[in-house]
Amino acid sequence: MHPYPHHYPVTASGGASGIVTLRSAGVDDLPSAPPPEFDGPGGVWSPESLLCAAVADCFILSFRGVARAARLEWQNLECEVTGTLERVDNVTRFTRFATRATLTVAPGVDEAKARTALDRAEHVCLVSNSLNGERTLETHVLVQPSG
């Protein structure tokens, strides 16, 4: 890992209406627009959906590191994040991020160890740690049937 601080430059460009194009070096451009809740067209990523996606993505990447360190074998992790946007004290902001994680493991894997790793991943996720909204985590461990 590179020493801190890390910097992540992104540019956005757009006109008076329509799509905003997000750019960062080395990756494909990403179209963005307001979500339907803010009279946007839908069908493209919005800042709101990107924020929730960043929480989900960071959770899975954090889990990879935690599981590797714990020597936990696993097969798949599905992560759903629902952000709640509210108006509080005349400020519109995300007040809650509810994460639902479903981990699939092989038969014989210690389910308690798997749950501990999921909890640890939520605790170390740098994106979630950077947000002010309340955070909740619901976890499920599924044992893949043998055969």
N, C-alpha and C. Protein backbone atom coordinates (compact mmCIF):
# COMPACT_ATOMS: atom_id res chain seq x y z
N MET A 1 0.85 -1.18 0.00
CA MET A 1 0.00 0.00 0.00
C MET A 1 0.89 1.24 0.00
N HIS A 2 0.45 2.25 -0.68
CA HIS A 2 1.16 3.51 -0.74
C HIS A 2 0.96 4.28 0.56
N PRO A 3 1.93 5.09 0.94
CA PRO A 3 1.77 5.88 2.17
C PRO A 3 0.67 6.94 2.00
N TYR A 4 0.05 7.31 3.11
CA TYR A 4 -0.98 8.34 3.12
C TYR A 4 -0.34 9.71 3.04
N PRO A 5 -1.01 10.72 2.56
CA PRO A 5 -2.40 10.72 2.10
C PRO A 5 -2.52 10.17 0.67
N HIS A 6 -3.69 9.62 0.35
CA HIS A 6 -4.02 9.19 -1.01
C HIS A 6 -4.93 10.27 -1.60
N HIS A 7 -4.85 10.46 -2.91
CA HIS A 7 -5.69 11.45 -3.59
C HIS A 7 -6.41 10.77 -4.75
N TYR A 8 -7.67 11.12 -4.95
CA TYR A 8 -8.50 10.49 -5.97
C TYR A 8 -9.16 11.57 -6.82
N PRO A 9 -8.44 12.12 -7.80
CA PRO A 9 -9.01 13.19 -8.62
C PRO A 9 -10.08 12.66 -9.59
N VAL A 10 -11.19 13.37 -9.61
CA VAL A 10 -12.31 13.07 -10.51
C VAL A 10 -12.77 14.40 -11.08
N THR A 11 -13.16 14.39 -12.35
CA THR A 11 -13.76 15.60 -12.93
C THR A 11 -15.17 15.27 -13.38
N ALA A 12 -16.02 16.27 -13.37
CA ALA A 12 -17.38 16.15 -13.85
C ALA A 12 -17.65 17.32 -14.78
N SER A 13 -18.34 17.04 -15.89
CA SER A 13 -18.71 18.13 -16.79
C SER A 13 -20.12 17.90 -17.30
N GLY A 14 -20.86 18.99 -17.46
CA GLY A 14 -22.23 18.91 -17.94
C GLY A 14 -22.76 20.29 -18.25
N GLY A 15 -23.85 20.31 -18.98
CA GLY A 15 -24.48 21.57 -19.35
C GLY A 15 -25.63 21.91 -18.42
N ALA A 16 -26.49 22.82 -18.88
CA ALA A 16 -27.62 23.29 -18.08
C ALA A 16 -28.64 22.19 -17.81
N SER A 17 -28.66 21.16 -18.63
CA SER A 17 -29.53 20.01 -18.40
C SER A 17 -28.87 18.79 -19.04
N GLY A 18 -29.45 17.63 -18.80
CA GLY A 18 -28.92 16.41 -19.41
C GLY A 18 -27.89 15.71 -18.56
N ILE A 19 -27.12 14.89 -19.20
CA ILE A 19 -26.15 14.01 -18.56
C ILE A 19 -24.92 14.79 -18.08
N VAL A 20 -24.44 14.41 -16.92
CA VAL A 20 -23.15 14.87 -16.41
C VAL A 20 -22.18 13.72 -16.66
N THR A 21 -21.01 14.01 -17.19
CA THR A 21 -20.01 12.98 -17.45
C THR A 21 -18.95 13.03 -16.36
N LEU A 22 -18.74 11.88 -15.72
CA LEU A 22 -17.73 11.76 -14.67
C LEU A 22 -16.50 11.10 -15.27
N ARG A 23 -15.33 11.65 -14.94
CA ARG A 23 -14.08 11.13 -15.49
C ARG A 23 -13.03 10.99 -14.41
N SER A 24 -12.24 9.93 -14.56
CA SER A 24 -11.07 9.72 -13.71
C SER A 24 -10.06 8.97 -14.55
N ALA A 25 -8.80 9.24 -14.34
CA ALA A 25 -7.73 8.64 -15.15
C ALA A 25 -7.78 7.12 -15.09
N GLY A 26 -7.67 6.51 -16.27
CA GLY A 26 -7.55 5.07 -16.35
C GLY A 26 -8.83 4.28 -16.30
N VAL A 27 -9.99 4.95 -16.22
CA VAL A 27 -11.27 4.24 -16.20
C VAL A 27 -12.21 4.85 -17.23
N ASP A 28 -13.24 4.08 -17.62
CA ASP A 28 -14.22 4.58 -18.57
C ASP A 28 -15.02 5.74 -17.97
N ASP A 29 -15.42 6.67 -18.84
CA ASP A 29 -16.31 7.75 -18.41
C ASP A 29 -17.61 7.13 -17.89
N LEU A 30 -18.24 7.85 -16.98
CA LEU A 30 -19.48 7.36 -16.38
C LEU A 30 -20.54 8.45 -16.49
N PRO A 31 -21.67 8.16 -17.18
CA PRO A 31 -22.74 9.14 -17.25
C PRO A 31 -23.51 9.18 -15.93
N SER A 32 -23.97 10.36 -15.57
CA SER A 32 -24.73 10.55 -14.34
C SER A 32 -25.82 11.58 -14.59
N ALA A 33 -26.87 11.48 -13.80
CA ALA A 33 -27.98 12.43 -13.88
C ALA A 33 -28.74 12.36 -12.57
N PRO A 34 -29.61 13.34 -12.32
CA PRO A 34 -30.42 13.26 -11.10
C PRO A 34 -31.29 12.01 -11.14
N PRO A 35 -31.58 11.44 -9.97
CA PRO A 35 -32.48 10.28 -9.95
C PRO A 35 -33.91 10.74 -10.20
N PRO A 36 -34.81 9.81 -10.50
CA PRO A 36 -36.22 10.16 -10.72
C PRO A 36 -36.82 10.94 -9.55
N GLU A 37 -36.35 10.66 -8.32
CA GLU A 37 -36.88 11.37 -7.15
C GLU A 37 -36.63 12.88 -7.22
N PHE A 38 -35.62 13.27 -8.00
CA PHE A 38 -35.33 14.69 -8.22
C PHE A 38 -35.62 15.08 -9.67
N ASP A 39 -36.62 14.43 -10.25
CA ASP A 39 -37.08 14.70 -11.62
C ASP A 39 -36.04 14.40 -12.69
N GLY A 40 -35.12 13.49 -12.38
CA GLY A 40 -34.14 13.05 -13.38
C GLY A 40 -34.74 11.99 -14.28
N PRO A 41 -34.01 11.64 -15.32
CA PRO A 41 -34.53 10.71 -16.32
C PRO A 41 -34.54 9.24 -15.88
N GLY A 42 -33.74 8.89 -14.88
CA GLY A 42 -33.57 7.49 -14.54
C GLY A 42 -32.71 6.81 -15.60
N GLY A 43 -32.35 5.59 -15.36
CA GLY A 43 -31.59 4.84 -16.36
C GLY A 43 -30.10 5.07 -16.35
N VAL A 44 -29.61 5.98 -15.51
CA VAL A 44 -28.17 6.20 -15.36
C VAL A 44 -27.86 6.37 -13.88
N TRP A 45 -26.61 6.21 -13.56
CA TRP A 45 -26.19 6.41 -12.17
C TRP A 45 -26.43 7.85 -11.75
N SER A 46 -26.80 8.02 -10.49
CA SER A 46 -26.97 9.35 -9.91
C SER A 46 -25.96 9.50 -8.78
N PRO A 47 -25.72 10.71 -8.30
CA PRO A 47 -24.82 10.86 -7.14
C PRO A 47 -25.29 10.04 -5.95
N GLU A 48 -26.60 9.96 -5.76
CA GLU A 48 -27.16 9.21 -4.64
C GLU A 48 -26.89 7.72 -4.77
N SER A 49 -27.12 7.18 -5.98
CA SER A 49 -26.86 5.75 -6.18
C SER A 49 -25.37 5.45 -6.16
N LEU A 50 -24.55 6.37 -6.65
CA LEU A 50 -23.10 6.17 -6.61
C LEU A 50 -22.58 6.13 -5.17
N LEU A 51 -23.14 6.96 -4.30
CA LEU A 51 -22.72 6.96 -2.90
C LEU A 51 -23.05 5.62 -2.25
N CYS A 52 -24.27 5.13 -2.47
CA CYS A 52 -24.65 3.84 -1.89
C CYS A 52 -23.83 2.70 -2.51
N ALA A 53 -23.54 2.80 -3.80
CA ALA A 53 -22.70 1.79 -4.45
C ALA A 53 -21.29 1.81 -3.86
N ALA A 54 -20.78 2.98 -3.54
CA ALA A 54 -19.45 3.07 -2.94
C ALA A 54 -19.42 2.37 -1.58
N VAL A 55 -20.49 2.50 -0.81
CA VAL A 55 -20.57 1.82 0.49
C VAL A 55 -20.56 0.31 0.28
N ALA A 56 -21.38 -0.19 -0.66
CA ALA A 56 -21.45 -1.63 -0.93
C ALA A 56 -20.12 -2.17 -1.46
N ASP A 57 -19.54 -1.46 -2.39
CA ASP A 57 -18.27 -1.87 -2.98
C ASP A 57 -17.17 -1.92 -1.92
N CYS A 58 -17.09 -0.88 -1.11
CA CYS A 58 -16.08 -0.81 -0.06
C CYS A 58 -16.28 -1.94 0.96
N PHE A 59 -17.53 -2.26 1.26
CA PHE A 59 -17.81 -3.35 2.20
C PHE A 59 -17.23 -4.66 1.67
N ILE A 60 -17.49 -4.96 0.39
CA ILE A 60 -16.99 -6.21 -0.18
C ILE A 60 -15.47 -6.21 -0.24
N LEU A 61 -14.86 -5.11 -0.65
CA LEU A 61 -13.40 -5.05 -0.72
C LEU A 61 -12.78 -5.15 0.68
N SER A 62 -13.43 -4.53 1.67
CA SER A 62 -12.96 -4.64 3.05
C SER A 62 -13.08 -6.08 3.54
N PHE A 63 -14.20 -6.74 3.18
CA PHE A 63 -14.39 -8.13 3.59
C PHE A 63 -13.30 -9.02 2.99
N ARG A 64 -12.93 -8.78 1.76
CA ARG A 64 -11.86 -9.58 1.15
C ARG A 64 -10.60 -9.55 2.00
N GLY A 65 -10.23 -8.35 2.42
CA GLY A 65 -9.02 -8.21 3.24
C GLY A 65 -9.17 -8.87 4.61
N VAL A 66 -10.32 -8.67 5.24
CA VAL A 66 -10.58 -9.25 6.55
C VAL A 66 -10.58 -10.78 6.44
N ALA A 67 -11.26 -11.32 5.43
CA ALA A 67 -11.34 -12.77 5.26
C ALA A 67 -9.96 -13.36 4.97
N ARG A 68 -9.18 -12.68 4.16
CA ARG A 68 -7.83 -13.15 3.86
C ARG A 68 -6.99 -13.21 5.14
N ALA A 69 -7.06 -12.15 5.94
CA ALA A 69 -6.29 -12.11 7.20
C ALA A 69 -6.76 -13.19 8.17
N ALA A 70 -8.06 -13.50 8.15
CA ALA A 70 -8.63 -14.51 9.06
C ALA A 70 -8.53 -15.92 8.49
N ARG A 71 -8.03 -16.02 7.27
CA ARG A 71 -7.96 -17.31 6.57
C ARG A 71 -9.34 -17.97 6.48
N LEU A 72 -10.30 -17.13 6.16
CA LEU A 72 -11.68 -17.59 6.02
C LEU A 72 -11.95 -17.89 4.55
N GLU A 73 -12.33 -19.10 4.26
CA GLU A 73 -12.69 -19.49 2.90
C GLU A 73 -14.15 -19.11 2.66
N TRP A 74 -14.42 -18.52 1.50
CA TRP A 74 -15.78 -18.13 1.17
C TRP A 74 -15.96 -18.18 -0.33
N GLN A 75 -17.21 -18.17 -0.79
CA GLN A 75 -17.49 -18.33 -2.21
C GLN A 75 -18.05 -17.07 -2.85
N ASN A 76 -18.96 -16.40 -2.17
CA ASN A 76 -19.60 -15.23 -2.77
C ASN A 76 -20.15 -14.33 -1.67
N LEU A 77 -20.17 -13.03 -1.96
CA LEU A 77 -20.75 -12.06 -1.04
C LEU A 77 -21.62 -11.11 -1.84
N GLU A 78 -22.89 -11.07 -1.51
CA GLU A 78 -23.84 -10.12 -2.09
C GLU A 78 -24.07 -9.04 -1.05
N CYS A 79 -24.02 -7.79 -1.48
CA CYS A 79 -24.18 -6.68 -0.55
C CYS A 79 -25.17 -5.69 -1.12
N GLU A 80 -26.23 -5.43 -0.38
CA GLU A 80 -27.24 -4.45 -0.77
C GLU A 80 -27.21 -3.32 0.24
N VAL A 81 -27.10 -2.10 -0.25
CA VAL A 81 -27.10 -0.93 0.63
C VAL A 81 -28.27 -0.03 0.24
N THR A 82 -29.05 0.33 1.25
CA THR A 82 -30.14 1.28 1.04
C THR A 82 -29.83 2.53 1.84
N GLY A 83 -29.66 3.63 1.12
CA GLY A 83 -29.44 4.91 1.78
C GLY A 83 -30.76 5.63 1.95
N THR A 84 -30.95 6.25 3.10
CA THR A 84 -32.17 7.01 3.37
C THR A 84 -31.82 8.50 3.34
N LEU A 85 -32.44 9.21 2.42
CA LEU A 85 -32.23 10.65 2.26
C LEU A 85 -33.40 11.38 2.89
N GLU A 86 -33.10 12.31 3.79
CA GLU A 86 -34.16 13.05 4.48
C GLU A 86 -33.78 14.52 4.58
N ARG A 87 -34.76 15.30 4.94
CA ARG A 87 -34.55 16.73 5.20
C ARG A 87 -34.52 16.90 6.71
N VAL A 88 -33.37 17.30 7.24
CA VAL A 88 -33.18 17.46 8.68
C VAL A 88 -32.61 18.85 8.93
N ASP A 89 -33.30 19.64 9.75
CA ASP A 89 -32.85 21.00 10.07
C ASP A 89 -32.55 21.81 8.81
N ASN A 90 -33.47 21.73 7.84
CA ASN A 90 -33.36 22.46 6.58
C ASN A 90 -32.19 22.04 5.71
N VAL A 91 -31.65 20.85 5.95
CA VAL A 91 -30.55 20.33 5.15
C VAL A 91 -30.95 18.93 4.65
N THR A 92 -30.84 18.72 3.35
CA THR A 92 -31.10 17.40 2.79
C THR A 92 -29.81 16.59 2.90
N ARG A 93 -29.92 15.43 3.56
CA ARG A 93 -28.72 14.61 3.73
C ARG A 93 -29.11 13.15 3.95
N PHE A 94 -28.14 12.28 3.75
CA PHE A 94 -28.35 10.87 4.06
C PHE A 94 -28.28 10.70 5.57
N THR A 95 -29.34 10.12 6.12
CA THR A 95 -29.40 9.92 7.58
C THR A 95 -29.11 8.48 7.98
N ARG A 96 -29.18 7.56 7.00
CA ARG A 96 -29.02 6.15 7.35
C ARG A 96 -28.52 5.37 6.14
N PHE A 97 -27.66 4.42 6.42
CA PHE A 97 -27.19 3.47 5.41
C PHE A 97 -27.41 2.07 5.98
N ALA A 98 -28.36 1.35 5.41
CA ALA A 98 -28.66 -0.01 5.86
C ALA A 98 -27.99 -0.99 4.90
N THR A 99 -27.10 -1.79 5.43
CA THR A 99 -26.37 -2.76 4.63
C THR A 99 -26.90 -4.16 4.94
N ARG A 100 -27.21 -4.89 3.89
CA ARG A 100 -27.63 -6.29 4.02
C ARG A 100 -26.61 -7.11 3.25
N ALA A 101 -25.90 -7.97 3.96
CA ALA A 101 -24.85 -8.78 3.36
C ALA A 101 -25.20 -10.25 3.46
N THR A 102 -25.09 -10.96 2.34
CA THR A 102 -25.33 -12.39 2.31
C THR A 102 -24.07 -13.07 1.81
N LEU A 103 -23.46 -13.82 2.71
CA LEU A 103 -22.20 -14.50 2.43
C LEU A 103 -22.47 -15.98 2.19
N THR A 104 -21.93 -16.52 1.10
CA THR A 104 -22.05 -17.94 0.81
C THR A 104 -20.71 -18.61 1.09
N VAL A 105 -20.78 -19.67 1.88
CA VAL A 105 -19.57 -20.42 2.25
C VAL A 105 -19.80 -21.91 1.97
N ALA A 106 -18.72 -22.65 1.94
CA ALA A 106 -18.79 -24.09 1.73
C ALA A 106 -19.17 -24.79 3.03
N PRO A 107 -19.68 -26.01 2.94
CA PRO A 107 -19.97 -26.78 4.16
C PRO A 107 -18.69 -26.91 4.99
N GLY A 108 -18.86 -26.85 6.30
CA GLY A 108 -17.72 -26.99 7.20
C GLY A 108 -17.06 -25.69 7.61
N VAL A 109 -17.40 -24.58 6.94
CA VAL A 109 -16.83 -23.29 7.32
C VAL A 109 -17.48 -22.84 8.62
N ASP A 110 -16.68 -22.31 9.52
CA ASP A 110 -17.15 -21.83 10.81
C ASP A 110 -18.03 -20.59 10.60
N GLU A 111 -19.35 -20.76 10.80
CA GLU A 111 -20.29 -19.66 10.56
C GLU A 111 -20.08 -18.50 11.52
N ALA A 112 -19.70 -18.78 12.76
CA ALA A 112 -19.44 -17.70 13.72
C ALA A 112 -18.24 -16.87 13.26
N LYS A 113 -17.22 -17.52 12.76
CA LYS A 113 -16.04 -16.82 12.24
C LYS A 113 -16.43 -15.97 11.02
N ALA A 114 -17.31 -16.51 10.20
CA ALA A 114 -17.78 -15.76 9.02
C ALA A 114 -18.55 -14.51 9.44
N ARG A 115 -19.42 -14.64 10.44
CA ARG A 115 -20.18 -13.48 10.92
C ARG A 115 -19.26 -12.42 11.54
N THR A 116 -18.26 -12.88 12.27
CA THR A 116 -17.29 -11.96 12.85
C THR A 116 -16.55 -11.20 11.75
N ALA A 117 -16.19 -11.89 10.69
CA ALA A 117 -15.50 -11.25 9.57
C ALA A 117 -16.40 -10.22 8.89
N LEU A 118 -17.69 -10.52 8.75
CA LEU A 118 -18.63 -9.56 8.16
C LEU A 118 -18.74 -8.31 9.04
N ASP A 119 -18.86 -8.51 10.34
CA ASP A 119 -18.93 -7.37 11.25
C ASP A 119 -17.65 -6.54 11.18
N ARG A 120 -16.52 -7.20 11.12
CA ARG A 120 -15.23 -6.50 11.05
C ARG A 120 -15.12 -5.68 9.76
N ALA A 121 -15.59 -6.25 8.66
CA ALA A 121 -15.55 -5.54 7.38
C ALA A 121 -16.35 -4.25 7.45
N GLU A 122 -17.51 -4.30 8.10
CA GLU A 122 -18.31 -3.08 8.24
C GLU A 122 -17.58 -2.06 9.09
N HIS A 123 -16.89 -2.53 10.09
CA HIS A 123 -16.16 -1.65 11.01
C HIS A 123 -14.96 -0.96 10.33
N VAL A 124 -14.31 -1.63 9.40
CA VAL A 124 -13.10 -1.06 8.78
C VAL A 124 -13.35 -0.40 7.43
N CYS A 125 -14.57 -0.44 6.92
CA CYS A 125 -14.87 0.14 5.61
C CYS A 125 -14.62 1.65 5.64
N LEU A 126 -13.64 2.11 4.88
CA LEU A 126 -13.27 3.53 4.93
C LEU A 126 -14.34 4.44 4.37
N VAL A 127 -15.13 3.98 3.42
CA VAL A 127 -16.20 4.82 2.88
C VAL A 127 -17.28 5.02 3.94
N SER A 128 -17.75 3.94 4.54
CA SER A 128 -18.76 4.06 5.61
C SER A 128 -18.25 4.90 6.76
N ASN A 129 -16.99 4.71 7.11
CA ASN A 129 -16.40 5.48 8.22
C ASN A 129 -16.32 6.97 7.92
N SER A 130 -16.44 7.34 6.65
CA SER A 130 -16.36 8.74 6.25
C SER A 130 -17.73 9.43 6.20
N LEU A 131 -18.78 8.69 6.47
CA LEU A 131 -20.14 9.23 6.38
C LEU A 131 -20.73 9.48 7.76
N ASN A 132 -21.66 10.44 7.81
CA ASN A 132 -22.28 10.80 9.09
C ASN A 132 -23.56 10.03 9.39
N GLY A 133 -24.18 9.45 8.40
CA GLY A 133 -25.45 8.77 8.62
C GLY A 133 -25.31 7.55 9.52
N GLU A 134 -26.40 7.20 10.19
CA GLU A 134 -26.45 5.99 11.00
C GLU A 134 -26.18 4.79 10.10
N ARG A 135 -25.47 3.80 10.62
CA ARG A 135 -25.16 2.60 9.86
C ARG A 135 -25.73 1.38 10.55
N THR A 136 -26.38 0.53 9.76
CA THR A 136 -26.85 -0.74 10.28
C THR A 136 -26.34 -1.84 9.37
N LEU A 137 -26.16 -3.03 9.95
CA LEU A 137 -25.68 -4.18 9.20
C LEU A 137 -26.53 -5.38 9.54
N GLU A 138 -27.09 -6.01 8.51
CA GLU A 138 -27.81 -7.27 8.65
C GLU A 138 -27.03 -8.30 7.86
N THR A 139 -26.66 -9.41 8.52
CA THR A 139 -25.84 -10.40 7.84
C THR A 139 -26.56 -11.74 7.79
N HIS A 140 -26.28 -12.46 6.72
CA HIS A 140 -26.77 -13.82 6.53
C HIS A 140 -25.60 -14.66 6.01
N VAL A 141 -25.41 -15.83 6.58
CA VAL A 141 -24.40 -16.75 6.11
C VAL A 141 -25.13 -17.96 5.55
N LEU A 142 -24.93 -18.22 4.26
CA LEU A 142 -25.54 -19.37 3.61
C LEU A 142 -24.48 -20.42 3.37
N VAL A 143 -24.78 -21.64 3.74
CA VAL A 143 -23.86 -22.74 3.49
C VAL A 143 -24.28 -23.39 2.19
N GLN A 144 -23.35 -23.38 1.22
CA GLN A 144 -23.61 -23.97 -0.09
C GLN A 144 -23.81 -25.47 0.08
N PRO A 145 -24.90 -26.02 -0.42
CA PRO A 145 -25.09 -27.47 -0.29
C PRO A 145 -23.96 -28.22 -0.98
N SER A 146 -23.52 -29.31 -0.37
CA SER A 146 -22.49 -30.11 -1.00
C SER A 146 -23.10 -30.97 -2.10
N GLY A 147 -22.25 -31.25 -3.05
CA GLY A 147 -22.73 -32.13 -4.10
C GLY A 147 -22.59 -31.57 -5.40
